[in-house]
């Protein structure tokens, strides 16, 4: 069985498997906006880093959709 960790995504505590990357989260939460902005622990993440960043327990992720709204 895969080990899990707790992370906070858009202010909601979630459980994910260890070694989850930001890219995997984007897929899991269907964040397909081409203009998506991602923050990891309060810092902007460049899209080229999504595959490299592995989440740790209690990390905070914010998905920001700048085109959302009207």
C-alpha atoms as a PDB file:
ATOM      1  CA  UNK A   1       0.000   0.000   0.000  1.00  0.00           C
ATOM      2  CA  UNK A   2       1.278   3.465  -0.905  1.00  0.00           C
ATOM      3  CA  UNK A   3       2.093   5.816   1.948  1.00  0.00           C
ATOM      4  CA  UNK A   4       0.146   9.048   2.056  1.00  0.00           C
ATOM      5  CA  UNK A   5       0.825  12.591   3.215  1.00  0.00           C
ATOM      6  CA  UNK A   6      -1.392  15.550   4.035  1.00  0.00           C
ATOM      7  CA  UNK A   7      -1.125  18.685   1.899  1.00  0.00           C
ATOM      8  CA  UNK A   8      -3.240  21.826   1.668  1.00  0.00           C
ATOM      9  CA  UNK A   9      -4.631  22.619  -1.775  1.00  0.00           C
ATOM     10  CA  UNK A  10      -6.450  25.940  -2.145  1.00  0.00           C
ATOM     11  CA  UNK A  11      -6.944  26.020   1.654  1.00  0.00           C
ATOM     12  CA  UNK A  12      -8.408  22.489   1.821  1.00  0.00           C
ATOM     13  CA  UNK A  13      -6.545  19.668   3.524  1.00  0.00           C
ATOM     14  CA  UNK A  14      -6.112  16.754   1.130  1.00  0.00           C
ATOM     15  CA  UNK A  15      -4.436  13.348   1.254  1.00  0.00           C
ATOM     16  CA  UNK A  16      -2.053  12.395  -1.560  1.00  0.00           C
ATOM     17  CA  UNK A  17       0.440   9.598  -2.038  1.00  0.00           C
ATOM     18  CA  UNK A  18       4.081  10.189  -1.215  1.00  0.00           C
ATOM     19  CA  UNK A  19       6.201  11.340  -4.156  1.00  0.00           C
ATOM     20  CA  UNK A  20       3.301  13.198  -5.767  1.00  0.00           C
ATOM     21  CA  UNK A  21       4.447  15.963  -8.111  1.00  0.00           C
ATOM     22  CA  UNK A  22       2.714  19.208  -8.954  1.00  0.00           C
ATOM     23  CA  UNK A  23       2.082  17.830 -12.465  1.00  0.00           C
ATOM     24  CA  UNK A  24       0.210  14.896 -10.965  1.00  0.00           C
ATOM     25  CA  UNK A  25      -1.896  17.245  -8.845  1.00  0.00           C
ATOM     26  CA  UNK A  26      -2.781  19.338 -11.893  1.00  0.00           C
ATOM     27  CA  UNK A  27      -4.066  16.198 -13.610  1.00  0.00           C
ATOM     28  CA  UNK A  28      -5.858  14.908 -10.497  1.00  0.00           C
ATOM     29  CA  UNK A  29      -7.694  18.189  -9.930  1.00  0.00           C
ATOM     30  CA  UNK A  30      -8.334  18.804 -13.652  1.00  0.00           C
ATOM     31  CA  UNK A  31      -6.558  22.149 -13.637  1.00  0.00           C
ATOM     32  CA  UNK A  32      -6.160  22.307 -17.418  1.00  0.00           C
ATOM     33  CA  UNK A  33      -6.170  26.101 -17.831  1.00  0.00           C
ATOM     34  CA  UNK A  34      -3.274  27.060 -20.138  1.00  0.00           C
ATOM     35  CA  UNK A  35      -2.742  30.194 -18.018  1.00  0.00           C
ATOM     36  CA  UNK A  36      -2.758  28.325 -14.681  1.00  0.00           C
ATOM     37  CA  UNK A  37      -0.560  29.839 -11.984  1.00  0.00           C
ATOM     38  CA  UNK A  38       0.758  27.529  -9.263  1.00  0.00           C
ATOM     39  CA  UNK A  39       2.164  28.530  -5.890  1.00  0.00           C
ATOM     40  CA  UNK A  40       4.040  26.046  -3.703  1.00  0.00           C
ATOM     41  CA  UNK A  41       4.377  27.191  -0.090  1.00  0.00           C
ATOM     42  CA  UNK A  42       3.730  30.778  -1.156  1.00  0.00           C
ATOM     43  CA  UNK A  43       6.222  30.828  -4.044  1.00  0.00           C
ATOM     44  CA  UNK A  44       5.471  30.963  -7.753  1.00  0.00           C
ATOM     45  CA  UNK A  45       6.343  27.754  -9.615  1.00  0.00           C
ATOM     46  CA  UNK A  46       7.458  27.878 -13.234  1.00  0.00           C
ATOM     47  CA  UNK A  47       5.607  25.325 -15.392  1.00  0.00           C
ATOM     48  CA  UNK A  48       8.885  23.648 -16.357  1.00  0.00           C
ATOM     49  CA  UNK A  49       9.309  22.726 -12.666  1.00  0.00           C
ATOM     50  CA  UNK A  50       5.904  20.997 -12.233  1.00  0.00           C
ATOM     51  CA  UNK A  51       7.389  17.532 -12.862  1.00  0.00           C
ATOM     52  CA  UNK A  52      10.384  18.145 -10.581  1.00  0.00           C
ATOM     53  CA  UNK A  53       8.714  19.356  -7.407  1.00  0.00           C
ATOM     54  CA  UNK A  54       7.714  16.499  -5.114  1.00  0.00           C
ATOM     55  CA  UNK A  55       5.288  17.406  -2.349  1.00  0.00           C
ATOM     56  CA  UNK A  56       6.068  16.995   1.329  1.00  0.00           C
ATOM     57  CA  UNK A  57       3.764  16.684   4.334  1.00  0.00           C
ATOM     58  CA  UNK A  58       1.902  19.953   5.068  1.00  0.00           C
ATOM     59  CA  UNK A  59       2.962  21.660   1.826  1.00  0.00           C
ATOM     60  CA  UNK A  60       0.582  24.344   0.607  1.00  0.00           C
ATOM     61  CA  UNK A  61      -0.433  24.466  -3.053  1.00  0.00           C
ATOM     62  CA  UNK A  62      -2.517  27.200  -4.634  1.00  0.00           C
ATOM     63  CA  UNK A  63      -3.986  26.816  -8.102  1.00  0.00           C
ATOM     64  CA  UNK A  64      -4.828  30.251  -9.513  1.00  0.00           C
ATOM     65  CA  UNK A  65      -6.869  30.567 -12.692  1.00  0.00           C
ATOM     66  CA  UNK A  66      -6.400  34.161 -13.899  1.00  0.00           C
ATOM     67  CA  UNK A  67      -9.041  33.774 -16.641  1.00  0.00           C
ATOM     68  CA  UNK A  68     -11.722  32.635 -14.186  1.00  0.00           C
ATOM     69  CA  UNK A  69     -14.658  34.921 -13.646  1.00  0.00           C
ATOM     70  CA  UNK A  70     -16.405  37.458 -15.738  1.00  0.00           C
END
